[in-house]
């Protein structure tokens, strides 16, 4: 499924933020800095599923973002005649 560049950026940032939240919570629980209740196996299973879903979302939206950037670069090269990021032969002075 192809998504727009704007949605790819939003999805990537959302998944990365949620994943970072899971990581911080895990570190707090590990160092006993968080108020920890005795959670059930279901809670920890849902956390694990959430972590895996975030990783999958990061991979998917990241690849979609890269594809849109590649399409934009192809269009710019087609319109401009060359890649604007590359230097001409001979460096800056053109010798």
C-alpha atoms as a PDB file:
ATOM      1  CA  UNK A   1       0.000   0.000   0.000  1.00  0.00           C
ATOM      2  CA  UNK A   2       1.420   3.340  -1.066  1.00  0.00           C
ATOM      3  CA  UNK A   3       1.089   6.241   1.350  1.00  0.00           C
ATOM      4  CA  UNK A   4       1.804   9.926   0.864  1.00  0.00           C
ATOM      5  CA  UNK A   5       5.056  11.453   2.058  1.00  0.00           C
ATOM      6  CA  UNK A   6       3.244  13.482   4.700  1.00  0.00           C
ATOM      7  CA  UNK A   7       1.527  10.364   6.115  1.00  0.00           C
ATOM      8  CA  UNK A   8       4.804   8.427   5.996  1.00  0.00           C
ATOM      9  CA  UNK A   9       6.567  11.119   8.034  1.00  0.00           C
ATOM     10  CA  UNK A  10       3.708  11.279  10.537  1.00  0.00           C
ATOM     11  CA  UNK A  11       3.482   7.488  10.892  1.00  0.00           C
ATOM     12  CA  UNK A  12       7.228   7.131  11.325  1.00  0.00           C
ATOM     13  CA  UNK A  13       7.357   9.843  13.991  1.00  0.00           C
ATOM     14  CA  UNK A  14       4.319   8.441  15.819  1.00  0.00           C
ATOM     15  CA  UNK A  15       5.689   4.886  15.906  1.00  0.00           C
ATOM     16  CA  UNK A  16       9.136   6.098  16.960  1.00  0.00           C
ATOM     17  CA  UNK A  17       7.640   8.208  19.776  1.00  0.00           C
ATOM     18  CA  UNK A  18       5.523   5.355  21.114  1.00  0.00           C
ATOM     19  CA  UNK A  19       8.497   2.987  20.909  1.00  0.00           C
ATOM     20  CA  UNK A  20      10.627   5.485  22.811  1.00  0.00           C
ATOM     21  CA  UNK A  21       7.907   5.691  25.472  1.00  0.00           C
ATOM     22  CA  UNK A  22       7.912   1.903  25.843  1.00  0.00           C
ATOM     23  CA  UNK A  23      11.707   1.951  26.172  1.00  0.00           C
ATOM     24  CA  UNK A  24      11.697   4.660  28.838  1.00  0.00           C
ATOM     25  CA  UNK A  25       8.969   2.867  30.795  1.00  0.00           C
ATOM     26  CA  UNK A  26      10.912  -0.387  30.567  1.00  0.00           C
ATOM     27  CA  UNK A  27      14.063   1.288  31.855  1.00  0.00           C
ATOM     28  CA  UNK A  28      12.146   2.877  34.719  1.00  0.00           C
ATOM     29  CA  UNK A  29      10.635  -0.462  35.692  1.00  0.00           C
ATOM     30  CA  UNK A  30      14.039  -2.127  35.410  1.00  0.00           C
ATOM     31  CA  UNK A  31      15.701   0.439  37.659  1.00  0.00           C
ATOM     32  CA  UNK A  32      12.633   0.460  39.945  1.00  0.00           C
ATOM     33  CA  UNK A  33      12.131   4.189  39.372  1.00  0.00           C
ATOM     34  CA  UNK A  34       8.532   3.778  38.285  1.00  0.00           C
ATOM     35  CA  UNK A  35       5.613   3.004  40.528  1.00  0.00           C
ATOM     36  CA  UNK A  36       5.161  -0.631  39.715  1.00  0.00           C
ATOM     37  CA  UNK A  37       2.063  -2.634  40.303  1.00  0.00           C
ATOM     38  CA  UNK A  38       1.866  -6.326  39.783  1.00  0.00           C
ATOM     39  CA  UNK A  39       0.609  -6.511  36.233  1.00  0.00           C
ATOM     40  CA  UNK A  40      -0.824  -9.613  34.659  1.00  0.00           C
ATOM     41  CA  UNK A  41       0.662 -11.636  31.862  1.00  0.00           C
ATOM     42  CA  UNK A  42      -1.951 -10.116  29.570  1.00  0.00           C
ATOM     43  CA  UNK A  43      -0.601  -6.610  30.230  1.00  0.00           C
ATOM     44  CA  UNK A  44       2.970  -7.611  29.443  1.00  0.00           C
ATOM     45  CA  UNK A  45       1.808  -9.515  26.356  1.00  0.00           C
ATOM     46  CA  UNK A  46       0.011  -6.401  25.116  1.00  0.00           C
ATOM     47  CA  UNK A  47       3.148  -4.341  25.771  1.00  0.00           C
ATOM     48  CA  UNK A  48       5.216  -6.822  23.767  1.00  0.00           C
ATOM     49  CA  UNK A  49       2.696  -6.713  20.907  1.00  0.00           C
ATOM     50  CA  UNK A  50       2.789  -2.902  21.035  1.00  0.00           C
ATOM     51  CA  UNK A  51       6.581  -2.897  20.836  1.00  0.00           C
ATOM     52  CA  UNK A  52       6.568  -5.252  17.858  1.00  0.00           C
ATOM     53  CA  UNK A  53       3.855  -3.157  16.167  1.00  0.00           C
ATOM     54  CA  UNK A  54       5.975  -0.019  16.676  1.00  0.00           C
ATOM     55  CA  UNK A  55       9.028  -1.698  15.132  1.00  0.00           C
ATOM     56  CA  UNK A  56       6.962  -2.852  12.152  1.00  0.00           C
ATOM     57  CA  UNK A  57       5.509   0.665  11.774  1.00  0.00           C
ATOM     58  CA  UNK A  58       8.952   2.253  11.917  1.00  0.00           C
ATOM     59  CA  UNK A  59      10.207  -0.105   9.205  1.00  0.00           C
ATOM     60  CA  UNK A  60       7.146   0.337   6.980  1.00  0.00           C
ATOM     61  CA  UNK A  61       6.774   4.098   7.248  1.00  0.00           C
ATOM     62  CA  UNK A  62      10.542   4.588   7.035  1.00  0.00           C
ATOM     63  CA  UNK A  63      10.709   2.670   3.764  1.00  0.00           C
ATOM     64  CA  UNK A  64       7.712   4.598   2.407  1.00  0.00           C
ATOM     65  CA  UNK A  65       9.407   7.876   3.351  1.00  0.00           C
ATOM     66  CA  UNK A  66      12.585   6.773   1.561  1.00  0.00           C
ATOM     67  CA  UNK A  67      10.599   5.826  -1.553  1.00  0.00           C
ATOM     68  CA  UNK A  68       8.909   9.236  -1.651  1.00  0.00           C
ATOM     69  CA  UNK A  69      12.297  10.957  -1.257  1.00  0.00           C
ATOM     70  CA  UNK A  70      13.687   8.862  -4.121  1.00  0.00           C
ATOM     71  CA  UNK A  71      10.688   9.788  -6.288  1.00  0.00           C
ATOM     72  CA  UNK A  72      11.198  13.470  -5.477  1.00  0.00           C
ATOM     73  CA  UNK A  73      14.895  13.204  -6.384  1.00  0.00           C
ATOM     74  CA  UNK A  74      14.039  11.489  -9.700  1.00  0.00           C
ATOM     75  CA  UNK A  75      11.546  14.228 -10.538  1.00  0.00           C
ATOM     76  CA  UNK A  76      14.042  16.955  -9.640  1.00  0.00           C
ATOM     77  CA  UNK A  77      16.727  15.284 -11.755  1.00  0.00           C
ATOM     78  CA  UNK A  78      14.316  14.918 -14.674  1.00  0.00           C
ATOM     79  CA  UNK A  79      13.277  18.574 -14.460  1.00  0.00           C
ATOM     80  CA  UNK A  80      16.710  20.011 -13.680  1.00  0.00           C
ATOM     81  CA  UNK A  81      18.821  17.811 -15.924  1.00  0.00           C
ATOM     82  CA  UNK A  82      21.192  16.670 -13.183  1.00  0.00           C
ATOM     83  CA  UNK A  83      21.276  15.895  -9.509  1.00  0.00           C
ATOM     84  CA  UNK A  84      21.539  19.212  -7.642  1.00  0.00           C
ATOM     85  CA  UNK A  85      23.383  17.503  -4.778  1.00  0.00           C
ATOM     86  CA  UNK A  86      26.380  16.451  -6.870  1.00  0.00           C
ATOM     87  CA  UNK A  87      29.264  18.750  -7.726  1.00  0.00           C
ATOM     88  CA  UNK A  88      30.451  19.230 -11.240  1.00  0.00           C
ATOM     89  CA  UNK A  89      33.684  17.666 -12.292  1.00  0.00           C
ATOM     90  CA  UNK A  90      36.607  19.775 -11.181  1.00  0.00           C
ATOM     91  CA  UNK A  91      35.168  20.865  -7.850  1.00  0.00           C
ATOM     92  CA  UNK A  92      33.949  24.294  -6.849  1.00  0.00           C
ATOM     93  CA  UNK A  93      36.223  26.377  -9.066  1.00  0.00           C
ATOM     94  CA  UNK A  94      35.445  24.380 -12.215  1.00  0.00           C
ATOM     95  CA  UNK A  95      39.069  23.840 -13.258  1.00  0.00           C
END
